PDB file of N, CA and C in Angstrom:
ATOM      1  N   MET A   1      90.269  42.328 144.443  1.00  0.00           N
ATOM      2  CA  MET A   1      90.656  43.229 143.373  1.00  0.00           C
ATOM      3  C   MET A   1      92.135  43.632 143.502  1.00  0.00           C
ATOM      4  N   LEU A   2      92.529  43.981 144.705  1.00  0.00           N
ATOM      5  CA  LEU A   2      93.910  44.407 144.931  1.00  0.00           C
ATOM      6  C   LEU A   2      94.883  43.257 144.683  1.00  0.00           C
ATOM      7  N   ALA A   3      94.503  42.059 145.088  1.00  0.00           N
ATOM      8  CA  ALA A   3      95.376  40.900 144.873  1.00  0.00           C
ATOM      9  C   ALA A   3      95.526  40.602 143.386  1.00  0.00           C
ATOM     10  N   ALA A   4      94.451  40.779 142.625  1.00  0.00           N
ATOM     11  CA  ALA A   4      94.515  40.542 141.181  1.00  0.00           C
ATOM     12  C   ALA A   4      95.440  41.552 140.514  1.00  0.00           C
ATOM     13  N   MET A   5      95.388  42.797 140.943  1.00  0.00           N
ATOM     14  CA  MET A   5      96.265  43.830 140.378  1.00  0.00           C
ATOM     15  C   MET A   5      97.723  43.545 140.732  1.00  0.00           C
ATOM     16  N   ALA A   6      97.984  43.089 141.949  1.00  0.00           N
ATOM     17  CA  ALA A   6      99.353  42.778 142.367  1.00  0.00           C
ATOM     18  C   ALA A   6      99.902  41.618 141.545  1.00  0.00           C
ATOM     19  N   ALA A   7      99.081  40.615 141.292  1.00  0.00           N
ATOM     20  CA  ALA A   7      99.518  39.474 140.487  1.00  0.00           C
ATOM     21  C   ALA A   7      99.792  39.902 139.051  1.00  0.00           C
ATOM     22  N   LEU A   8      98.977  40.783 138.529  1.00  0.00           N
ATOM     23  CA  LEU A   8      99.165  41.270 137.167  1.00  0.00           C
ATOM     24  C   LEU A   8     100.456  42.076 137.051  1.00  0.00           C
ATOM     25  N   LEU A   9     100.711  42.943 138.012  1.00  0.00           N
ATOM     26  CA  LEU A   9     101.927  43.757 137.985  1.00  0.00           C
ATOM     27  C   LEU A   9     103.178  42.915 138.205  1.00  0.00           C
ATOM     28  N   ALA A  10     103.067  41.840 138.959  1.00  0.00           N
ATOM     29  CA  ALA A  10     104.225  40.969 139.179  1.00  0.00           C
ATOM     30  C   ALA A  10     104.666  40.341 137.865  1.00  0.00           C
ATOM     31  N   GLY A  11     103.740  40.114 136.955  1.00  0.00           N
ATOM     32  CA  GLY A  11     104.071  39.560 135.651  1.00  0.00           C
ATOM     33  C   GLY A  11     104.758  40.555 134.743  1.00  0.00           C
ATOM     34  N   CYS A  12     104.763  41.817 135.090  1.00  0.00           N
ATOM     35  CA  CYS A  12     105.355  42.863 134.263  1.00  0.00           C
ATOM     36  C   CYS A  12     106.825  43.115 134.583  1.00  0.00           C
ATOM     37  N   GLN A  13     107.383  42.378 135.506  1.00  0.00           N
ATOM     38  CA  GLN A  13     108.781  42.585 135.853  1.00  0.00           C
ATOM     39  C   GLN A  13     109.669  42.205 134.679  1.00  0.00           C
ATOM     40  N   ALA A  14     110.761  42.907 134.552  1.00  0.00           N
ATOM     41  CA  ALA A  14     111.713  42.608 133.480  1.00  0.00           C
ATOM     42  C   ALA A  14     112.365  41.252 133.742  1.00  0.00           C
ATOM     43  N   THR A  15     112.510  40.477 132.695  1.00  0.00           N
ATOM     44  CA  THR A  15     113.159  39.182 132.808  1.00  0.00           C
ATOM     45  C   THR A  15     114.669  39.390 132.766  1.00  0.00           C
ATOM     46  N   PRO A  16     115.387  38.913 133.780  1.00  0.00           N
ATOM     47  CA  PRO A  16     116.846  39.101 133.763  1.00  0.00           C
ATOM     48  C   PRO A  16     117.493  38.333 132.615  1.00  0.00           C
ATOM     49  N   GLN A  17     118.501  38.933 132.045  1.00  0.00           N
ATOM     50  CA  GLN A  17     119.205  38.309 130.929  1.00  0.00           C
ATOM     51  C   GLN A  17     120.285  37.377 131.458  1.00  0.00           C
ATOM     52  N   PRO A  18     120.450  36.227 130.814  1.00  0.00           N
ATOM     53  CA  PRO A  18     121.480  35.282 131.260  1.00  0.00           C
ATOM     54  C   PRO A  18     122.879  35.788 130.938  1.00  0.00           C
ATOM     55  N   ILE A  19     123.857  35.268 131.643  1.00  0.00           N
ATOM     56  CA  ILE A  19     125.254  35.547 131.333  1.00  0.00           C
ATOM     57  C   ILE A  19     125.728  34.434 130.409  1.00  0.00           C
ATOM     58  N   VAL A  20     126.224  34.828 129.259  1.00  0.00           N
ATOM     59  CA  VAL A  20     126.546  33.894 128.182  1.00  0.00           C
ATOM     60  C   VAL A  20     128.049  33.852 127.951  1.00  0.00           C
ATOM     61  N   ASP A  21     128.570  32.667 127.644  1.00  0.00           N
ATOM     62  CA  ASP A  21     129.967  32.510 127.257  1.00  0.00           C
ATOM     63  C   ASP A  21     130.123  33.114 125.864  1.00  0.00           C
ATOM     64  N   MET A  22     130.899  34.169 125.745  1.00  0.00           N
ATOM     65  CA  MET A  22     131.028  34.899 124.485  1.00  0.00           C
ATOM     66  C   MET A  22     132.189  34.406 123.616  1.00  0.00           C
ATOM     67  N   GLU A  23     132.884  33.345 124.035  1.00  0.00           N
ATOM     68  CA  GLU A  23     134.003  32.825 123.250  1.00  0.00           C
ATOM     69  C   GLU A  23     133.491  32.328 121.895  1.00  0.00           C
ATOM     70  N   GLY A  24     134.032  32.894 120.834  1.00  0.00           N
ATOM     71  CA  GLY A  24     133.650  32.500 119.479  1.00  0.00           C
ATOM     72  C   GLY A  24     132.313  33.048 119.013  1.00  0.00           C
ATOM     73  N   VAL A  25     131.766  33.999 119.740  1.00  0.00           N
ATOM     74  CA  VAL A  25     130.462  34.567 119.401  1.00  0.00           C
ATOM     75  C   VAL A  25     130.652  35.997 118.902  1.00  0.00           C
ATOM     76  N   ALA A  26     130.078  36.300 117.748  1.00  0.00           N
ATOM     77  CA  ALA A  26     130.121  37.664 117.214  1.00  0.00           C
ATOM     78  C   ALA A  26     129.153  38.538 118.011  1.00  0.00           C
ATOM     79  N   GLN A  27     129.620  39.687 118.448  1.00  0.00           N
ATOM     80  CA  GLN A  27     128.802  40.582 119.274  1.00  0.00           C
ATOM     81  C   GLN A  27     127.516  41.004 118.557  1.00  0.00           C
ATOM     82  N   VAL A  28     127.597  41.264 117.271  1.00  0.00           N
ATOM     83  CA  VAL A  28     126.416  41.701 116.516  1.00  0.00           C
ATOM     84  C   VAL A  28     125.357  40.595 116.502  1.00  0.00           C
ATOM     85  N   GLN A  29     125.778  39.351 116.263  1.00  0.00           N
ATOM     86  CA  GLN A  29     124.820  38.235 116.247  1.00  0.00           C
ATOM     87  C   GLN A  29     124.229  38.008 117.630  1.00  0.00           C
ATOM     88  N   TYR A  30     125.062  38.124 118.656  1.00  0.00           N
ATOM     89  CA  TYR A  30     124.570  37.986 120.033  1.00  0.00           C
ATOM     90  C   TYR A  30     123.501  39.029 120.314  1.00  0.00           C
ATOM     91  N   ASN A  31     123.778  40.280 119.938  1.00  0.00           N
ATOM     92  CA  ASN A  31     122.807  41.352 120.173  1.00  0.00           C
ATOM     93  C   ASN A  31     121.488  41.075 119.457  1.00  0.00           C
ATOM     94  N   ARG A  32     121.568  40.596 118.226  1.00  0.00           N
ATOM     95  CA  ARG A  32     120.344  40.267 117.471  1.00  0.00           C
ATOM     96  C   ARG A  32     119.571  39.145 118.151  1.00  0.00           C
ATOM     97  N   ASP A  33     120.279  38.093 118.530  1.00  0.00           N
ATOM     98  CA  ASP A  33     119.622  36.956 119.160  1.00  0.00           C
ATOM     99  C   ASP A  33     119.012  37.343 120.503  1.00  0.00           C
ATOM    100  N   MET A  34     119.745  38.116 121.298  1.00  0.00           N
ATOM    101  CA  MET A  34     119.226  38.537 122.600  1.00  0.00           C
ATOM    102  C   MET A  34     117.985  39.401 122.424  1.00  0.00           C
ATOM    103  N   ALA A  35     118.034  40.336 121.485  1.00  0.00           N
ATOM    104  CA  ALA A  35     116.870  41.198 121.234  1.00  0.00           C
ATOM    105  C   ALA A  35     115.668  40.362 120.805  1.00  0.00           C
ATOM    106  N   TRP A  36     115.906  39.359 119.952  1.00  0.00           N
ATOM    107  CA  TRP A  36     114.806  38.514 119.509  1.00  0.00           C
ATOM    108  C   TRP A  36     114.211  37.746 120.686  1.00  0.00           C
ATOM    109  N   CYS A  37     115.075  37.185 121.528  1.00  0.00           N
ATOM    110  CA  CYS A  37     114.601  36.408 122.670  1.00  0.00           C
ATOM    111  C   CYS A  37     113.835  37.278 123.669  1.00  0.00           C
ATOM    112  N   VAL A  38     114.314  38.489 123.910  1.00  0.00           N
ATOM    113  CA  VAL A  38     113.639  39.392 124.851  1.00  0.00           C
ATOM    114  C   VAL A  38     112.288  39.837 124.295  1.00  0.00           C
ATOM    115  N   ASN A  39     112.224  40.128 123.013  1.00  0.00           N
ATOM    116  CA  ASN A  39     110.995  40.660 122.417  1.00  0.00           C
ATOM    117  C   ASN A  39     109.967  39.590 122.064  1.00  0.00           C
ATOM    118  N   ASN A  40     110.331  38.334 122.090  1.00  0.00           N
ATOM    119  CA  ASN A  40     109.412  37.255 121.712  1.00  0.00           C
ATOM    120  C   ASN A  40     109.166  36.283 122.855  1.00  0.00           C
ATOM    121  N   GLN A  41     109.139  36.789 124.076  1.00  0.00           N
ATOM    122  CA  GLN A  41     108.869  35.953 125.237  1.00  0.00           C
ATOM    123  C   GLN A  41     107.390  35.584 125.270  1.00  0.00           C
ATOM    124  N   PRO A  42     107.079  34.384 125.728  1.00  0.00           N
ATOM    125  CA  PRO A  42     105.668  34.051 125.932  1.00  0.00           C
ATOM    126  C   PRO A  42     105.116  34.867 127.099  1.00  0.00           C
ATOM    127  N   PHE A  43     103.830  35.103 127.093  1.00  0.00           N
ATOM    128  CA  PHE A  43     103.207  35.902 128.160  1.00  0.00           C
ATOM    129  C   PHE A  43     103.339  35.198 129.501  1.00  0.00           C
ATOM    130  N   ILE A  44     103.156  33.882 129.496  1.00  0.00           N
ATOM    131  CA  ILE A  44     103.276  33.091 130.716  1.00  0.00           C
ATOM    132  C   ILE A  44     104.286  31.981 130.444  1.00  0.00           C
ATOM    133  N   ALA A  45     105.272  31.859 131.311  1.00  0.00           N
ATOM    134  CA  ALA A  45     106.294  30.824 131.117  1.00  0.00           C
ATOM    135  C   ALA A  45     106.840  30.381 132.463  1.00  0.00           C
ATOM    136  N   LEU A  46     107.297  29.157 132.512  1.00  0.00           N
ATOM    137  CA  LEU A  46     107.994  28.651 133.694  1.00  0.00           C
ATOM    138  C   LEU A  46     109.480  28.884 133.495  1.00  0.00           C
ATOM    139  N   GLY A  47     110.177  29.239 134.552  1.00  0.00           N
ATOM    140  CA  GLY A  47     111.604  29.499 134.434  1.00  0.00           C
ATOM    141  C   GLY A  47     111.858  30.844 133.775  1.00  0.00           C
ATOM    142  N   ASN A  48     112.971  30.949 133.086  1.00  0.00           N
ATOM    143  CA  ASN A  48     113.340  32.188 132.409  1.00  0.00           C
ATOM    144  C   ASN A  48     113.295  31.945 130.905  1.00  0.00           C
ATOM    145  N   PRO A  49     112.296  32.507 130.222  1.00  0.00           N
ATOM    146  CA  PRO A  49     112.174  32.256 128.788  1.00  0.00           C
ATOM    147  C   PRO A  49     113.331  32.817 127.966  1.00  0.00           C
ATOM    148  N   VAL A  50     113.989  33.880 128.432  1.00  0.00           N
ATOM    149  CA  VAL A  50     115.124  34.434 127.694  1.00  0.00           C
ATOM    150  C   VAL A  50     116.303  33.460 127.755  1.00  0.00           C
ATOM    151  N   THR A  51     116.562  32.914 128.932  1.00  0.00           N
ATOM    152  CA  THR A  51     117.632  31.921 129.077  1.00  0.00           C
ATOM    153  C   THR A  51     117.340  30.702 128.213  1.00  0.00           C
ATOM    154  N   ASP A  52     116.105  30.227 128.253  1.00  0.00           N
ATOM    155  CA  ASP A  52     115.727  29.057 127.450  1.00  0.00           C
ATOM    156  C   ASP A  52     115.887  29.339 125.961  1.00  0.00           C
ATOM    157  N   CYS A  53     115.506  30.526 125.531  1.00  0.00           N
ATOM    158  CA  CYS A  53     115.611  30.914 124.119  1.00  0.00           C
ATOM    159  C   CYS A  53     117.080  30.962 123.684  1.00  0.00           C
ATOM    160  N   MET A  54     117.923  31.600 124.479  1.00  0.00           N
ATOM    161  CA  MET A  54     119.340  31.704 124.129  1.00  0.00           C
ATOM    162  C   MET A  54     120.003  30.329 124.115  1.00  0.00           C
ATOM    163  N   ARG A  55     119.636  29.480 125.053  1.00  0.00           N
ATOM    164  CA  ARG A  55     120.159  28.109 125.070  1.00  0.00           C
ATOM    165  C   ARG A  55     119.703  27.385 123.804  1.00  0.00           C
ATOM    166  N   GLY A  56     118.460  27.596 123.403  1.00  0.00           N
ATOM    167  CA  GLY A  56     117.930  26.990 122.189  1.00  0.00           C
ATOM    168  C   GLY A  56     118.632  27.464 120.932  1.00  0.00           C
ATOM    169  N   LYS A  57     119.166  28.677 120.961  1.00  0.00           N
ATOM    170  CA  LYS A  57     119.901  29.214 119.818  1.00  0.00           C
ATOM    171  C   LYS A  57     121.352  28.736 119.805  1.00  0.00           C
ATOM    172  N   GLY A  58     121.728  27.932 120.805  1.00  0.00           N
ATOM    173  CA  GLY A  58     123.056  27.332 120.820  1.00  0.00           C
ATOM    174  C   GLY A  58     124.081  28.041 121.692  1.00  0.00           C
ATOM    175  N   TYR A  59     123.663  29.025 122.482  1.00  0.00           N
ATOM    176  CA  TYR A  59     124.609  29.719 123.356  1.00  0.00           C
ATOM    177  C   TYR A  59     124.868  28.884 124.605  1.00  0.00           C
ATOM    178  N   ARG A  60     126.093  28.995 125.099  1.00  0.00           N
ATOM    179  CA  ARG A  60     126.463  28.323 126.353  1.00  0.00           C
ATOM    180  C   ARG A  60     126.165  29.303 127.489  1.00  0.00           C
ATOM    181  N   ILE A  61     125.217  28.949 128.324  1.00  0.00           N
ATOM    182  CA  ILE A  61     124.780  29.812 129.410  1.00  0.00           C
ATOM    183  C   ILE A  61     125.665  29.558 130.626  1.00  0.00           C
ATOM    184  N   LEU A  62     126.307  30.607 131.113  1.00  0.00           N
ATOM    185  CA  LEU A  62     127.142  30.505 132.311  1.00  0.00           C
ATOM    186  C   LEU A  62     126.302  30.675 133.567  1.00  0.00           C
ATOM    187  N   VAL A  63     125.423  31.678 133.567  1.00  0.00           N
ATOM    188  CA  VAL A  63     124.529  31.932 134.691  1.00  0.00           C
ATOM    189  C   VAL A  63     123.158  32.242 134.119  1.00  0.00           C
ATOM    190  N   GLY A  64     122.199  31.404 134.434  1.00  0.00           N
ATOM    191  CA  GLY A  64     120.821  31.635 134.011  1.00  0.00           C
ATOM    192  C   GLY A  64     119.984  31.997 135.230  1.00  0.00           C
ATOM    193  N   TYR A  65     119.097  32.932 135.065  1.00  0.00           N
ATOM    194  CA  TYR A  65     118.261  33.381 136.196  1.00  0.00           C
ATOM    195  C   TYR A  65     116.895  32.789 136.121  1.00  0.00           C
TER     196      TYR A  65
END
Protein backbone atom coordinates (compact mmCIF):
# COMPACT_ATOMS: atom_id res chain seq x y z
CA MET A 1 0.00 0.00 0.00
CA LEU A 2 2.75 2.44 0.95
CA ALA A 3 4.72 1.68 -2.22
CA ALA A 4 1.63 2.31 -4.35
CA MET A 5 1.08 5.69 -2.69
CA ALA A 6 4.74 6.64 -3.20
CA ALA A 7 4.53 5.74 -6.89
CA LEU A 8 1.34 7.75 -7.27
CA LEU A 9 2.84 10.82 -5.58
CA ALA A 10 5.99 10.57 -7.70
CA GLY A 11 3.79 11.10 -10.75
CA CYS A 12 2.53 14.37 -9.28
CA GLN A 13 5.87 16.15 -9.50
CA ALA A 14 5.94 19.29 -11.59
CA THR A 15 7.42 18.80 -15.03
CA PRO A 16 10.40 21.12 -15.53
CA GLN A 17 10.04 23.58 -18.36
CA PRO A 18 12.63 23.52 -21.14
CA ILE A 19 14.92 26.45 -21.89
CA VAL A 20 13.95 27.78 -25.30
CA ASP A 21 15.81 29.95 -27.80
CA MET A 22 13.70 33.12 -27.77
CA GLU A 23 15.29 34.72 -30.87
CA GLY A 24 12.44 35.78 -33.16
CA VAL A 25 9.78 34.54 -30.75
CA ALA A 26 7.01 36.81 -29.47
CA GLN A 27 6.76 36.58 -25.68
CA VAL A 28 2.95 36.49 -25.73
CA GLN A 29 2.88 33.55 -28.18
CA TYR A 30 5.54 31.73 -26.17
CA ASN A 31 3.50 32.16 -23.00
CA ARG A 32 0.38 30.82 -24.72
CA ASP A 33 2.20 27.83 -26.17
CA MET A 34 3.95 27.02 -22.89
CA ALA A 35 0.68 27.23 -20.96
CA TRP A 36 -0.99 24.94 -23.49
CA CYS A 37 1.84 22.41 -23.30
CA VAL A 38 1.89 22.42 -19.49
CA ASN A 39 -1.90 22.10 -19.17
CA ASN A 40 -2.30 19.37 -21.82
CA GLN A 41 0.33 16.87 -20.71
CA PRO A 42 -0.52 13.19 -20.96
CA PHE A 43 -1.00 11.46 -17.61
CA ILE A 44 1.78 9.00 -18.39
CA ALA A 45 4.64 9.87 -20.73
CA LEU A 46 8.23 8.95 -21.42
CA GLY A 47 10.71 11.80 -21.29
CA ASN A 48 9.46 15.34 -20.78
CA PRO A 49 6.10 15.95 -22.47
CA VAL A 50 6.43 19.75 -22.15
CA THR A 51 9.76 19.72 -24.00
CA ASP A 52 8.32 17.41 -26.66
CA CYS A 53 5.25 19.64 -27.05
CA MET A 54 7.29 22.84 -27.41
CA ARG A 55 9.61 21.15 -29.90
CA GLY A 56 6.51 20.03 -31.82
CA LYS A 57 5.30 23.63 -31.94
CA GLY A 58 8.56 24.58 -33.67
CA TYR A 59 10.59 26.01 -30.78
CA ARG A 60 14.34 25.46 -30.67
CA ILE A 61 15.05 23.79 -27.34
CA LEU A 62 18.38 24.77 -25.78
CA VAL A 63 18.05 22.64 -22.63
CA GLY A 64 15.38 19.99 -22.27
CA TYR A 65 14.84 18.15 -19.00
